[in-house]
């Protein structure tokens, strides 16, 4: 006699509920009344329904919202179905999603007054072949985030294109079980940012012409704390040379132009098999959070960061911080590809690299010390390459089924 696992039965029944037999397709065309017709479809949709955007430009004067589980919003292609928010009133996001098991695919969002697409508390959400851009280029009046999932479990960002965000093109915050892959982030302050999140995989992306290419942060005083368990692998991080255009007071306003990959105050991070070129401050930087904070649970130091084999070329010739002349002279005209500020909670090493990694510690004397106070020395305690095993899976594999068609 075969015994069925009760948990599997429950999962199967949940899938049936999320995809009922009588799902409908709602077609919405651009043109007169598109705002009202599209928002009505988003409100009246039932779990399992699909809303299909026709080809063309949807001229929208207000943001859109979706709060129904299990809905797919599909366009005719990221260059064919365009949600144009150039005339948007107010400062909200273009599209806000607050429901679970939602798939967003094959359309574009242009010129929202606030964020492009924000999903909050939306578990098992998929962004696939979505484009979000500000056509005025990289200016501080653009919205902060292009794609912005937050406070979610299960996030898949696949094959998206983002540009012009005054904070991060792809930002995943306060979430877990995340994959960001096969995407292009360019002309943002931060190309891709993983913040206060766990179990994230960032792979096979192109990050170029941002201020900083890929950021892995942990910040204090947020509802979800303790970010870590992040893999950054097989990405092309090149020529991140855009001047920082973040509005005053924004935390990413401190990111130096020419930063490739930046890890700050995070735990258990693996960086390997990336191609890094022509990032003129540094290809990889591992740093401590230096601003004042009162959150007693917060650890401002990076911990257990491991740098594996990466391919480095160019870069490091124009670092954007004080004391660069001294450092450039010390290193023969270009900083090494991997830099650690040298700070840790208990004075022990928190950055590790496989043998042969061209990395140095600045050995700064204290938090907030400027680089001209550095006492550079090579990284010690290399780890064997056999210890570079990736330990975290990212987004649930079941989310891939939604982008197969």
Protein backbone atom coordinates (compact mmCIF):
# COMPACT_ATOMS: atom_id res chain seq x y z
CA UNK A 1 0.00 0.00 0.00
CA UNK A 2 1.39 3.42 -0.98
CA UNK A 3 1.21 6.17 1.62
CA UNK A 4 0.87 9.72 0.30
CA UNK A 5 2.79 12.47 2.06
CA UNK A 6 0.29 14.87 3.66
CA UNK A 7 2.52 17.86 2.97
CA UNK A 8 2.67 16.96 -0.73
CA UNK A 9 -1.10 16.56 -0.83
CA UNK A 10 -1.51 20.00 0.72
CA UNK A 11 0.91 21.54 -1.77
CA UNK A 12 -0.91 19.93 -4.67
CA UNK A 13 -4.26 21.20 -3.44
CA UNK A 14 -2.79 24.69 -3.06
CA UNK A 15 -1.69 24.62 -6.70
CA UNK A 16 -5.19 23.62 -7.80
CA UNK A 17 -6.69 26.46 -5.78
CA UNK A 18 -4.20 28.95 -7.27
CA UNK A 19 -4.97 27.71 -10.82
CA UNK A 20 -8.69 26.97 -10.99
CA UNK A 21 -10.18 25.11 -13.93
CA UNK A 22 -12.19 28.14 -15.05
CA UNK A 23 -9.36 30.67 -15.37
CA UNK A 24 -10.10 33.46 -17.84
CA UNK A 25 -8.03 35.58 -20.21
CA UNK A 26 -8.70 39.33 -20.11
CA UNK A 27 -7.40 41.16 -23.19
CA UNK A 28 -6.68 44.87 -22.77
CA UNK A 29 -5.72 47.04 -25.75
CA UNK A 30 -4.04 50.46 -25.67
CA UNK A 31 -5.97 53.54 -26.66
CA UNK A 32 -8.74 55.64 -25.20
CA UNK A 33 -9.78 54.62 -21.70
CA UNK A 34 -6.81 52.27 -21.27
CA UNK A 35 -6.21 53.44 -17.68
CA UNK A 36 -9.71 52.51 -16.53
CA UNK A 37 -9.94 49.31 -18.57
CA UNK A 38 -6.60 47.97 -17.35
CA UNK A 39 -7.18 48.84 -13.70
CA UNK A 40 -10.65 47.28 -13.89
CA UNK A 41 -9.13 44.05 -15.23
CA UNK A 42 -6.61 44.03 -12.40
CA UNK A 43 -9.38 44.47 -9.83
CA UNK A 44 -11.87 41.96 -11.26
CA UNK A 45 -9.37 39.21 -12.05
CA UNK A 46 -9.76 35.90 -10.22
CA UNK A 47 -6.94 33.59 -9.07
CA UNK A 48 -5.49 31.86 -12.12
CA UNK A 49 -6.62 34.53 -14.60
CA UNK A 50 -4.33 36.05 -17.20
CA UNK A 51 -4.44 39.71 -18.21
CA UNK A 52 -2.95 40.17 -21.68
CA UNK A 53 -1.71 43.56 -22.84
CA UNK A 54 -2.00 44.25 -26.54
CA UNK A 55 0.88 45.67 -28.53
CA UNK A 56 1.25 49.44 -28.38
CA UNK A 57 1.70 52.27 -25.91
CA UNK A 58 -0.63 52.60 -22.91
CA UNK A 59 -0.64 56.27 -21.90
CA UNK A 60 -1.40 56.27 -18.18
CA UNK A 61 -2.04 59.20 -15.83
CA UNK A 62 -2.05 57.24 -12.57
CA UNK A 63 -0.41 54.21 -11.00
CA UNK A 64 -1.85 50.70 -11.23
CA UNK A 65 -2.35 48.11 -8.48
CA UNK A 66 -2.92 44.36 -8.24
CA UNK A 67 -4.11 42.58 -5.08
CA UNK A 68 -5.39 39.24 -6.41
CA UNK A 69 -3.40 36.02 -5.92
CA UNK A 70 -2.32 33.84 -8.81
CA UNK A 71 -2.68 36.39 -11.63
CA UNK A 72 -0.44 36.67 -14.69
CA UNK A 73 0.04 40.09 -16.33
CA UNK A 74 1.47 39.42 -19.77
CA UNK A 75 2.34 41.74 -22.62
CA UNK A 76 3.29 41.18 -26.25
CA UNK A 77 6.97 41.78 -25.53
CA UNK A 78 9.12 44.21 -23.57
CA UNK A 79 9.39 46.46 -26.63
CA UNK A 80 5.83 45.95 -27.89
CA UNK A 81 3.56 46.54 -24.85
CA UNK A 82 4.61 49.73 -23.06
CA UNK A 83 2.98 51.17 -19.94
CA UNK A 84 3.89 54.84 -20.35
CA UNK A 85 3.68 56.86 -17.12
CA UNK A 86 5.19 60.07 -18.50
CA UNK A 87 1.97 61.95 -17.62
CA UNK A 88 1.51 60.23 -14.25
CA UNK A 89 0.02 62.39 -11.51
CA UNK A 90 1.52 62.10 -8.04
CA UNK A 91 4.73 60.35 -7.09
CA UNK A 92 3.69 56.71 -6.65
CA UNK A 93 4.99 53.62 -8.35
CA UNK A 94 3.88 52.61 -11.81
CA UNK A 95 2.56 49.21 -10.72
CA UNK A 96 2.10 48.00 -7.13
CA UNK A 97 1.57 44.26 -6.46
CA UNK A 98 0.52 43.09 -2.98
CA UNK A 99 -0.66 39.52 -3.73
CA UNK A 100 1.04 36.14 -3.96
CA UNK A 101 1.88 33.84 -6.90
CA UNK A 102 1.87 36.67 -9.43
CA UNK A 103 3.74 36.55 -12.75
CA UNK A 104 4.74 39.75 -14.55
CA UNK A 105 6.17 39.24 -18.02
CA UNK A 106 6.76 40.58 -21.52
CA UNK A 107 5.98 44.28 -21.12
CA UNK A 108 7.69 47.58 -20.36
CA UNK A 109 7.23 50.39 -17.87
CA UNK A 110 8.53 53.83 -18.80
CA UNK A 111 8.95 57.05 -16.81
CA UNK A 112 7.02 56.36 -13.59
CA UNK A 113 7.14 59.23 -11.13
CA UNK A 114 8.17 56.86 -8.33
CA UNK A 115 9.36 53.26 -8.48
CA UNK A 116 8.75 51.25 -11.62
CA UNK A 117 7.20 48.01 -10.35
CA UNK A 118 6.98 47.44 -6.61
CA UNK A 119 5.80 44.19 -5.05
CA UNK A 120 5.39 44.19 -1.27
CA UNK A 121 4.68 41.08 0.77
CA UNK A 122 4.11 39.27 -2.54
CA UNK A 123 5.39 35.72 -2.11
CA UNK A 124 6.44 33.57 -5.07
CA UNK A 125 6.53 36.46 -7.51
CA UNK A 126 8.09 36.22 -10.97
CA UNK A 127 9.44 39.09 -13.09
CA UNK A 128 10.28 37.80 -16.58
CA UNK A 129 11.32 39.78 -19.66
CA UNK A 130 10.14 43.05 -18.17
CA UNK A 131 11.80 46.36 -19.09
CA UNK A 132 11.73 49.41 -16.81
CA UNK A 133 13.41 52.64 -17.86
CA UNK A 134 13.45 56.40 -17.51
CA UNK A 135 13.96 57.80 -20.98
CA UNK A 136 15.53 61.05 -19.72
CA UNK A 137 18.64 59.10 -18.79
CA UNK A 138 20.38 58.95 -15.39
CA UNK A 139 19.08 61.95 -13.40
CA UNK A 140 18.26 62.34 -9.70
CA UNK A 141 14.57 63.10 -10.35
CA UNK A 142 13.99 59.56 -11.65
CA UNK A 143 12.28 57.04 -9.41
CA UNK A 144 14.41 55.18 -6.88
CA UNK A 145 13.88 51.58 -8.01
CA UNK A 146 13.01 50.04 -11.36
CA UNK A 147 12.10 46.56 -10.09
CA UNK A 148 11.45 46.48 -6.35
CA UNK A 149 10.30 43.27 -4.61
CA UNK A 150 10.36 43.66 -0.82
CA UNK A 151 9.30 41.61 2.22
CA UNK A 152 8.71 38.49 0.13
CA UNK A 153 9.53 34.79 0.22
CA UNK A 154 10.24 33.40 -3.24
CA UNK A 155 11.43 35.96 -5.81
CA UNK A 156 12.52 35.19 -9.38
CA UNK A 157 13.83 38.04 -11.54
CA UNK A 158 14.73 36.66 -14.96
CA UNK A 159 15.77 38.33 -18.24
CA UNK A 160 14.72 41.86 -17.28
CA UNK A 161 16.24 45.14 -18.52
CA UNK A 162 16.46 48.18 -16.25
CA UNK A 163 17.98 51.64 -16.60
CA UNK A 164 17.88 55.10 -15.06
CA UNK A 165 16.98 54.25 -11.43
CA UNK A 166 18.25 56.86 -8.96
CA UNK A 167 18.83 54.10 -6.39
CA UNK A 168 18.85 50.54 -7.76
CA UNK A 169 17.74 49.08 -11.08
CA UNK A 170 16.96 45.68 -9.55
CA UNK A 171 16.47 45.85 -5.78
CA UNK A 172 15.42 42.92 -3.62
CA UNK A 173 15.01 43.83 0.04
CA UNK A 174 14.02 42.16 3.30
CA UNK A 175 13.21 38.94 1.46
CA UNK A 176 14.43 35.35 1.17
CA UNK A 177 14.73 32.62 -1.46
CA UNK A 178 15.74 34.91 -4.34
CA UNK A 179 17.20 34.46 -7.80
CA UNK A 180 18.22 37.36 -10.06
CA UNK A 181 19.54 36.11 -13.38
CA UNK A 182 20.09 36.77 -17.11
CA UNK A 183 19.24 40.46 -16.69
CA UNK A 184 20.76 43.74 -17.87
CA UNK A 185 21.20 46.66 -15.46
CA UNK A 186 22.74 49.83 -16.85
CA UNK A 187 22.82 53.58 -16.13
CA UNK A 188 21.49 53.17 -12.58
CA UNK A 189 23.20 54.24 -9.36
CA UNK A 190 23.27 50.58 -8.29
CA UNK A 191 22.72 48.02 -11.01
CA UNK A 192 21.58 45.14 -8.78
CA UNK A 193 21.15 45.34 -5.01
CA UNK A 194 20.40 42.59 -2.49
CA UNK A 195 19.61 44.18 0.88
CA UNK A 196 18.73 42.63 4.27
CA UNK A 197 17.85 39.39 2.47
CA UNK A 198 18.82 35.73 2.75
CA UNK A 199 19.33 32.84 0.36
CA UNK A 200 19.94 34.86 -2.79
CA UNK A 201 21.61 33.86 -6.05
CA UNK A 202 22.73 36.59 -8.47
CA UNK A 203 23.96 34.95 -11.66
CA UNK A 204 24.52 35.43 -15.40
CA UNK A 205 23.69 39.15 -15.39
CA UNK A 206 25.26 42.14 -17.13
CA UNK A 207 25.87 45.17 -14.90
CA UNK A 208 27.46 48.04 -16.83
CA UNK A 209 27.58 51.85 -16.84
CA UNK A 210 26.11 52.06 -13.33
CA UNK A 211 27.82 53.84 -10.45
CA UNK A 212 28.17 50.42 -8.79
CA UNK A 213 27.45 47.13 -10.52
CA UNK A 214 26.25 44.67 -7.84
CA UNK A 215 25.68 45.59 -4.18
CA UNK A 216 25.09 43.20 -1.27
CA UNK A 217 24.13 45.24 1.79
CA UNK A 218 22.83 44.80 5.31
CA UNK A 219 21.45 47.96 6.92
CA UNK A 220 20.20 48.80 10.44
CA UNK A 221 16.73 49.78 11.64
CA UNK A 222 14.70 47.88 9.04
CA UNK A 223 11.75 45.53 9.73
CA UNK A 224 13.79 42.52 8.53
CA UNK A 225 17.38 42.25 9.72
CA UNK A 226 20.27 39.87 9.28
CA UNK A 227 21.04 39.61 5.57
CA UNK A 228 23.34 36.91 4.25
CA UNK A 229 23.76 33.60 2.39
CA UNK A 230 24.30 35.27 -1.01
CA UNK A 231 25.97 33.87 -4.12
CA UNK A 232 27.26 36.22 -6.84
CA UNK A 233 28.48 34.16 -9.79
CA UNK A 234 29.00 34.21 -13.57
CA UNK A 235 28.11 37.88 -13.95
CA UNK A 236 29.71 40.36 -16.37
CA UNK A 237 30.42 43.47 -14.31
CA UNK A 238 32.12 45.98 -16.57
CA UNK A 239 32.71 49.71 -17.03
CA UNK A 240 30.56 50.89 -14.15
CA UNK A 241 31.47 54.49 -14.79
CA UNK A 242 28.30 56.53 -14.22
CA UNK A 243 28.62 59.49 -11.83
CA UNK A 244 26.52 58.98 -8.71
CA UNK A 245 23.16 60.71 -9.26
CA UNK A 246 21.32 59.56 -6.13
CA UNK A 247 19.27 62.26 -4.36
CA UNK A 248 20.88 63.74 -1.22
CA UNK A 249 20.58 61.56 1.86
CA UNK A 250 20.21 58.28 -0.04
CA UNK A 251 22.43 55.50 1.33
CA UNK A 252 23.68 54.60 -2.15
CA UNK A 253 24.83 58.20 -2.50
CA UNK A 254 28.05 56.96 -0.89
CA UNK A 255 28.79 54.40 -3.60
CA UNK A 256 31.89 55.38 -5.55
CA UNK A 257 31.76 55.65 -9.30
CA UNK A 258 33.73 52.73 -10.69
CA UNK A 259 32.65 50.09 -8.16
CA UNK A 260 32.17 46.58 -9.51
CA UNK A 261 30.85 44.41 -6.65
CA UNK A 262 30.39 45.88 -3.17
CA UNK A 263 29.62 43.84 -0.04
CA UNK A 264 28.77 45.75 3.13
CA UNK A 265 28.00 44.27 6.56
CA UNK A 266 26.71 41.00 5.12
CA UNK A 267 27.22 37.40 6.23
CA UNK A 268 28.16 34.29 4.22
CA UNK A 269 28.73 35.68 0.72
CA UNK A 270 30.35 33.74 -2.13
CA UNK A 271 31.72 35.62 -5.17
CA UNK A 272 33.14 33.53 -8.00
CA UNK A 273 33.37 32.96 -11.76
CA UNK A 274 32.53 36.58 -12.56
CA UNK A 275 34.13 38.61 -15.34
CA UNK A 276 35.08 42.04 -14.00
CA UNK A 277 36.65 44.70 -16.20
CA UNK A 278 37.29 48.44 -16.28
CA UNK A 279 35.72 49.31 -12.92
CA UNK A 280 37.98 52.21 -12.05
CA UNK A 281 37.59 52.33 -8.27
CA UNK A 282 37.81 48.61 -7.57
CA UNK A 283 36.38 45.39 -8.97
CA UNK A 284 35.41 43.94 -5.57
CA UNK A 285 35.21 45.84 -2.28
CA UNK A 286 34.28 44.40 1.14
CA UNK A 287 33.49 47.12 3.66
CA UNK A 288 32.03 47.94 7.06
CA UNK A 289 28.97 50.13 7.58
CA UNK A 290 30.35 53.38 8.99
CA UNK A 291 27.31 55.61 9.65
CA UNK A 292 25.90 56.03 13.19
CA UNK A 293 23.18 53.57 14.25
CA UNK A 294 21.23 52.67 17.39
CA UNK A 295 19.96 49.22 16.45
CA UNK A 296 21.55 46.89 19.03
CA UNK A 297 20.88 43.81 16.88
CA UNK A 298 22.85 45.17 13.93
CA UNK A 299 26.32 43.92 13.04
CA UNK A 300 28.09 46.50 10.83
CA UNK A 301 30.96 44.19 9.83
CA UNK A 302 31.18 41.84 6.85
CA UNK A 303 31.49 38.19 7.91
CA UNK A 304 32.51 35.01 6.13
CA UNK A 305 32.93 36.54 2.68
CA UNK A 306 34.74 34.18 0.33
CA UNK A 307 36.25 35.28 -3.00
CA UNK A 308 36.76 32.48 -5.50
CA UNK A 309 38.19 32.48 -8.99
CA UNK A 310 37.13 35.52 -11.02
CA UNK A 311 38.52 37.04 -14.21
CA UNK A 312 39.82 40.61 -13.79
CA UNK A 313 41.00 43.09 -16.41
CA UNK A 314 41.70 46.82 -16.29
CA UNK A 315 40.17 48.90 -13.53
CA UNK A 316 41.47 50.36 -10.28
CA UNK A 317 43.17 53.29 -12.01
CA UNK A 318 40.92 56.13 -10.79
CA UNK A 319 39.52 55.27 -7.33
CA UNK A 320 37.01 57.82 -6.09
CA UNK A 321 38.16 58.42 -2.51
CA UNK A 322 40.59 60.48 -0.49
CA UNK A 323 44.17 59.37 -0.41
CA UNK A 324 43.98 57.72 -3.81
CA UNK A 325 47.32 59.21 -4.92
CA UNK A 326 49.13 57.51 -2.04
CA UNK A 327 47.38 54.22 -2.66
CA UNK A 328 47.92 54.32 -6.41
CA UNK A 329 51.59 54.99 -5.85
CA UNK A 330 51.80 52.12 -3.35
CA UNK A 331 50.21 49.73 -5.84
CA UNK A 332 52.06 50.86 -8.94
CA UNK A 333 49.29 52.90 -10.56
CA UNK A 334 46.23 50.66 -10.13
CA UNK A 335 44.51 49.24 -7.07
CA UNK A 336 44.29 45.46 -6.78
CA UNK A 337 41.06 43.82 -7.93
CA UNK A 338 39.91 42.84 -4.41
CA UNK A 339 39.97 45.31 -1.51
CA UNK A 340 38.86 44.76 2.09
CA UNK A 341 38.81 47.63 4.57
CA UNK A 342 40.40 45.30 7.13
CA UNK A 343 37.82 45.87 9.85
CA UNK A 344 36.05 43.11 11.75
CA UNK A 345 34.09 42.69 14.94
CA UNK A 346 36.78 40.94 16.95
CA UNK A 347 39.91 41.75 14.97
CA UNK A 348 39.99 38.41 13.15
CA UNK A 349 39.86 38.01 9.40
CA UNK A 350 36.34 38.07 7.90
CA UNK A 351 37.29 37.98 4.21
CA UNK A 352 38.75 34.83 2.69
CA UNK A 353 40.01 34.06 -0.78
CA UNK A 354 41.23 31.01 -2.61
CA UNK A 355 44.96 30.88 -3.17
CA UNK A 356 46.19 33.23 -5.87
CA UNK A 357 43.39 35.80 -5.57
CA UNK A 358 44.87 39.29 -6.15
CA UNK A 359 43.45 40.85 -3.00
CA UNK A 360 44.66 43.22 -0.33
CA UNK A 361 43.47 44.50 3.02
CA UNK A 362 43.68 48.24 3.64
CA UNK A 363 44.01 47.53 7.39
CA UNK A 364 42.18 50.71 8.33
CA UNK A 365 42.58 51.62 12.02
CA UNK A 366 38.88 52.19 12.79
CA UNK A 367 35.39 52.57 11.37
CA UNK A 368 35.12 55.71 9.28
CA UNK A 369 38.86 56.06 8.77
CA UNK A 370 39.78 57.44 5.36
CA UNK A 371 41.83 55.41 2.90
CA UNK A 372 44.81 57.73 3.38
CA UNK A 373 45.17 56.07 6.82
CA UNK A 374 45.55 52.64 5.24
CA UNK A 375 48.39 50.23 5.92
CA UNK A 376 47.88 47.88 2.98
CA UNK A 377 48.82 44.23 3.20
CA UNK A 378 47.99 41.11 1.22
CA UNK A 379 45.02 39.00 2.24
CA UNK A 380 45.94 36.14 4.51
CA UNK A 381 44.28 32.83 5.39
CA UNK A 382 43.46 31.67 1.83
CA UNK A 383 40.90 28.91 1.61
CA UNK A 384 41.13 25.82 -0.62
CA UNK A 385 39.07 25.98 -3.81
CA UNK A 386 37.28 22.84 -2.65
CA UNK A 387 35.63 24.96 0.07
CA UNK A 388 33.95 27.22 -2.49
CA UNK A 389 30.85 25.05 -2.67
CA UNK A 390 27.64 27.04 -3.16
CA UNK A 391 25.31 26.35 -0.25
CA UNK A 392 22.16 28.27 -1.15
CA UNK A 393 19.57 27.50 -3.79
CA UNK A 394 17.85 30.85 -4.36
CA UNK A 395 14.24 30.98 -5.58
CA UNK A 396 12.10 27.84 -5.51
CA UNK A 397 12.56 25.77 -8.67
CA UNK A 398 8.80 25.70 -9.17
CA UNK A 399 8.86 29.37 -10.19
CA UNK A 400 10.68 28.37 -13.39
CA UNK A 401 7.53 26.66 -14.62
CA UNK A 402 5.84 30.04 -15.01
CA UNK A 403 8.32 31.27 -17.63
CA UNK A 404 8.40 28.11 -19.72
CA UNK A 405 5.58 29.29 -22.02
